[in-house]
Amino acid sequence: MRLKTLSLLAALASSAAAAYWMEDIPHRGISPFNPDKSYTVFRNVKDFGAKGDGVADDTNAINAAISSGNRCGGDSPCAGTTTTPAVVYFPKGTYLISSSIVSYYYTQMIGDPTSMPVIKAAQQFRANGLGLIEANPYQSTGYLRYGATNTFFRQIRNLVLDTRQVPGAVCGIHWPSSQATSIQNVVFRMSYDPSRHHSGIFMEEGSGGMLNDLVFYGGEYGAQFGNQQYTARNFTFHGSQTAILQIWDWGWTYKSMTINNCRTGIDMTSSSVGSVTLLDSHFNNVDVGIITGRDPAVKEKPGAGSLVIQNVQFRNVSTILKGAKGDIIQGSPSATVIKRGFGHGNAYAPYGPSVYQASDVSHFPVPQALTAGEKYYERSKPQYDDTPASSFLSARSYGARGDGVTDDTDALNRLMGDASKRYSEGIIAFIDAGYYRVTDTVFFPPNLRVVGEAMSSVIMAAGSKFSHIDRPHPVVQVGKPGDKGYLEFSDVFVSTQGATAGAVLIEYNLATYTSGTCKLTSQSTPPSGMWDVHTRIGGFAGSELQVAECLKTPDKANAVNPLCIAAYMSCHITKSARGLYMENNWFWVADHDIEDYNNTQISIYAGRGLLIESKAGRIWLVGTSVEHHTLYQYQLAYTKNIWMGQIQTETAYYQPNPPAPFPFTTLNKTIHDPNFALDCRVKTGNGTSDVQPSAETLPILTLADSLPGKPPCEMGWGLRIIGSKNVVVYGAGLYSFFNNWSTSCCQEGFKTHEGVLGKCQARILYIGGDPASSTASNQGDGKSDTLDVSLYNLNTVGVVSMINRQGTDLAYWKENKAGFTDTVAVFKFQNGRGTGNVRRRSSGEPEDPYDGYGDGDDGSPDGSGDSGGSGSGSRGSSGGYGAGSGIPGLSWGGPRGFVATEGEAGYICFGDWQQLCGQPPQFAQTSSPFSPPLSSPLVRTSLVLSSPAPVPTTGGGRMSIFRPGDHLTLNAASSQSSLSASSLAPSSIRRRTTVTFTVGGSSVSTPPYPTRKTFTVTVVDDMSTPAPSKSTPSAYRSTVTVAVDGGDSDGGWSFLSTVPEATHTHGQLSTLEESTWTSQDKSTLTEKAIYSTSTTSRKSDGANTTTKSASPAFHSQAPQELDGCDEDD
């Protein structure tokens, strides 16, 4: 009997020890600025009476666990506070509820990830909100309980939400939310009957945010999303009628979606959708992959509904992309992969806009150093599922008080040192909830794991070492320069207290070497990571930077309270750093006092946001936001291999009172601070001088004066990319809502006192060399200039010039309107080329840049206005098209008369383009859409076609879309003698290549596609590399790419034919197989033969696709992958 008892006790002890560490660890966290000193941060729902047996009604017990302690929610007079954070923990079990669980402000709802608890709605469930979890209930007034754009600091993770027994409409989570919020590792189980109107997540407002690792079963909608911006990663849908309904957005980035057996994958037909970016995803057995409402013929919103797709496989999908007027891309029973990208919106390459609906490899490079397997690298926040509580070293056990008063510097440094020394034992430094006041740097040695208590842990800098505005001093320092090692850092805030003008909140020096290969593999050491690590400067209890100290002063000119200068920089990733994955990080300078019921606005000054100088790079920014810094929000300086996914910024609300750089008037050239005296000036004379202005010879006009409405220029940059390469940005929201605390400047129809349409800010995005450097030039010198930058779905608010390239404004809001935002779907600038003679508008040109620039609208009936900045710049050459590619068909250049250059995109439709896509507005300037544009001298990368009928072709010779159903035969490819350079730039070296094709008759004869026989394409290029000369097999049904390997990715031209299989209709994207021949001169000629594929299977992690019988299709042409790996590892 005794032995049996001992065995039973041992088993129980073993079971207890096996509990998730968060349940088992001593809980000593506090909220020191809460007047109730007995306030408890951690709450286990079972301590409040919840049974978790699937029988008892646990609704009241769970709500009591959330609400106890006079928290901010319910009927309390509170709009938000940082003094009542709560971690509400669910042990394993099934929790039956009969009405909504109502979450309060600053609540983290966390389940046991080792045995995920189930929250199950009873059959008689009655929502006192909209969902099982009600995160922001509507009040009797019709307004949400908390303003959606101010709903911060909340998480839900490790739960299963079951609504299957509910007969009526219900959602799993109602989630209007903003920054520093996340839902992670949640499963939604819904009815498969669409008439019951179940939905997993309903989100209708906010400014988020991060969603990842979610699984949806059933539902009329898997998820319904409406928010300014969000990043969503690693979702799986099974059997939903519509997996995702995009209610509205400004920008939304989806990565690693798997959509199985659904009627519709993504429905973005709403006219309120600004842009959607979709990456690394799989659609299996879906009727319609994506439905878009975008209509480029709607002039009022030419940027709306922008869509970018990259590396997405569609298997047994009837229609891949369906438009308002018919199918745009048809699917296949076998696998079709849009491998290297498809864009649907306005494009700049770098000039434009071109109305772009195409797949062009030159616009979609993939830096291999940022990939793992066949997709971009990604990694979820570690939750240490299998780590026992005994492996966590508590800050409180090291003597740290966390009371916001005691100096905890030494205690935290001892904790980090010991955790690093015991890294190989699996030891983790745990920062209990509290405010840890530090008066000197907290050093994170290499090889360290640090986790906070679910965003209730704050490291707060104070004191004289952080006080000097010209002596930056790190608060948290990760490694010393040159240190190598590894870091995991999650769920912690870094903040300041009082006047700390020299504080650098996070200085990251650590180099994490991932592998000896370019791509990451399963054997690679993963990059270091920071998840839910935020900086918060001012606006919270205990910060001494609230209404009492820092009330806004819009009526006082240039009034800066020195006590409110609170940081030098939020985060600095230094030159020695490398290999860092960042997810859901918010670097925020407070614009309002969170503790104030009215959210009263305050003026806090922090100089710089996030600066990345890493020489080696391999930095991933996933769902990050940087707001309200003085000089810039994001700056990339002489770095490489940077991945950015749905970044978001806001310009400081007080600017331009005072204007940037005030109060940070001592600019630090070492870290490339922007010099607004240079940035906000145009060149002397007519604006065409190639000489950069200097401080000694100030030019005569300001940039603000040269733009309509004379918008303020001396305001912080949203994103500044200097001298960097292999930068890819998949979604960016750069917003400027205020001038001197007034939002009138961002409203529709805002006019200045002069009656001119105006905006809040002159420009917000810069790409180029450092204007303050003597080596920077308009053309780029390959060292100081920025190289290889790709931006997809750029969304701006309140900005006149959306993109500034080396002092030249390239994209304007009016030509990219998408609603409240303005949207550019694709921007590509590569290798410092393709810009022609970059120039600014001269003082003699029309004030409205949207209608001038030689497009025939400036009073020149023959379009003889200045042709712009590319090519020869000859007057009268382009009319409304620019020079385009000099051919008939669907092709044109920039509407401001820029001559089309390498990479210029065009308008492409499958089938009858007029019926499916409407008539592009550019065609209104010619009597026939298929008559050629006005003649022009030869320009770099031009096409001349000879055929019985015009061939729709993109500008710049990047791709030719032949008639659906055509059978293409490659006859020959031969080089020709050099052309005369009499009309070309004197420094150009020209040669031409002639490729002859035979196109068989098609069963489709709908105009404008009459039957064609044989024609010749002549490609003209200015590179000196020899042209391909090797003949290829004749009568080969194929898609052909002619590419010249001259060490420069600009040297390629692509011609794409679509050949339907017997069961396909025209417009089919076919399966391709690649073969390459290399000639003696190292030129290449690539053929991709068309064939059928069998089914494919996806690995559980979604990182790769494995083939059962044949490879999936690749909708790409000779991928040019800019990896930068020759200098890596």
Foldseek 3Di string as FASTA:
>chain_A
DVVVVVVVVVVVVVVLQLFFLVVVADADAALQLPPPRVAGAEFELVVQPFDQAQPDASQVSQLCSQCPDPAADDPDLAQFALRRAHEYEYEAHEHEHQEANEHGANYEDEYQQVHFHEDEYDQNRDYPAAANYEDWGADPVRDTSHDLAPRAHYEYERHEYEHANHQAAHEHYEDSHAAHYEYYHYEYHYHQDARRAYEHYEYAEYHYDEYENYEYEHGCEPYEDHYAEYEYEQYEYHNHQEDYEDQAYQEYEYEAYEYENYQEYYEAQDLRHQEYEYELYEYYNYAEHYEYADFCQPQQFNRARKYKYAFYKYANYQADYAYPQGGFFGEDNGIDTQHQMFIQGFEPQPFAGFRFTGRFQQQGFFFQLQAEASGGDDDDADSPSRDGNVLEDELVVLVFDLNLPDASQVSLLVLLVVQQVCLVVVHAYEYHQHEHEHAAAREREARHEYEYDSQRAEDEYDDDVQADLPAAGERYEYHDAPAEHAYEAENYEYEYAWRRNRYADYEYRYAYAFDPDSHHYPPTRAFHEYESYEYEYDQHPSRNFACVQFAADLPDFLDDDSRQNTEAEHYEHDQNYERYEYESYEYDYDQFRSRDSVRGGGDHEYAEYYEYAHQAYNYEAHGYEFEAYFAEHYEYANHEQYEAEAYEYEWHQQPVRVFPPPPSPDDDVVSLGADLQQLFAAAADFWQDFDRDDPVHRHDDTLLVLAWQSAAARIHAHYEYKQYAHYEYHHYEYEYQHHNNDRLQQDPPRHDPVRTNAFHYAEHYEAFFRSNDPPTGQQDDNGGTYFHYKYAWYKYTRYAQYYAYSSERRDGQSSQRSDSIGTRGIHTGHDSDFQASGTYGTPPWDSHQVQELQQCRRPNVLSQHFQDHHWPRHGSAFHQFQCFQQAFAFTGRHRSRHHGTQPAFTYDGADDCCSRRNDNPSCVSDPDSGDTTHHDPDGAWHKDKDWPAGFHDYGSQAETEGHFAKFKKWFFKAWDDFDDCPVGDPPFTKTKIKTKMAIAAGPDDDPPHHGIGIMMMIIMHRDPQDFDGDTDDTSARWWKKFAFPPVGPSGTGGYDYHHDDPPDDTSHDFAWQWDWDADPSRGIIITTHGDGFDHWDADPVSSHIDHDGDDRGHSHDPNDHNHPCVPGD
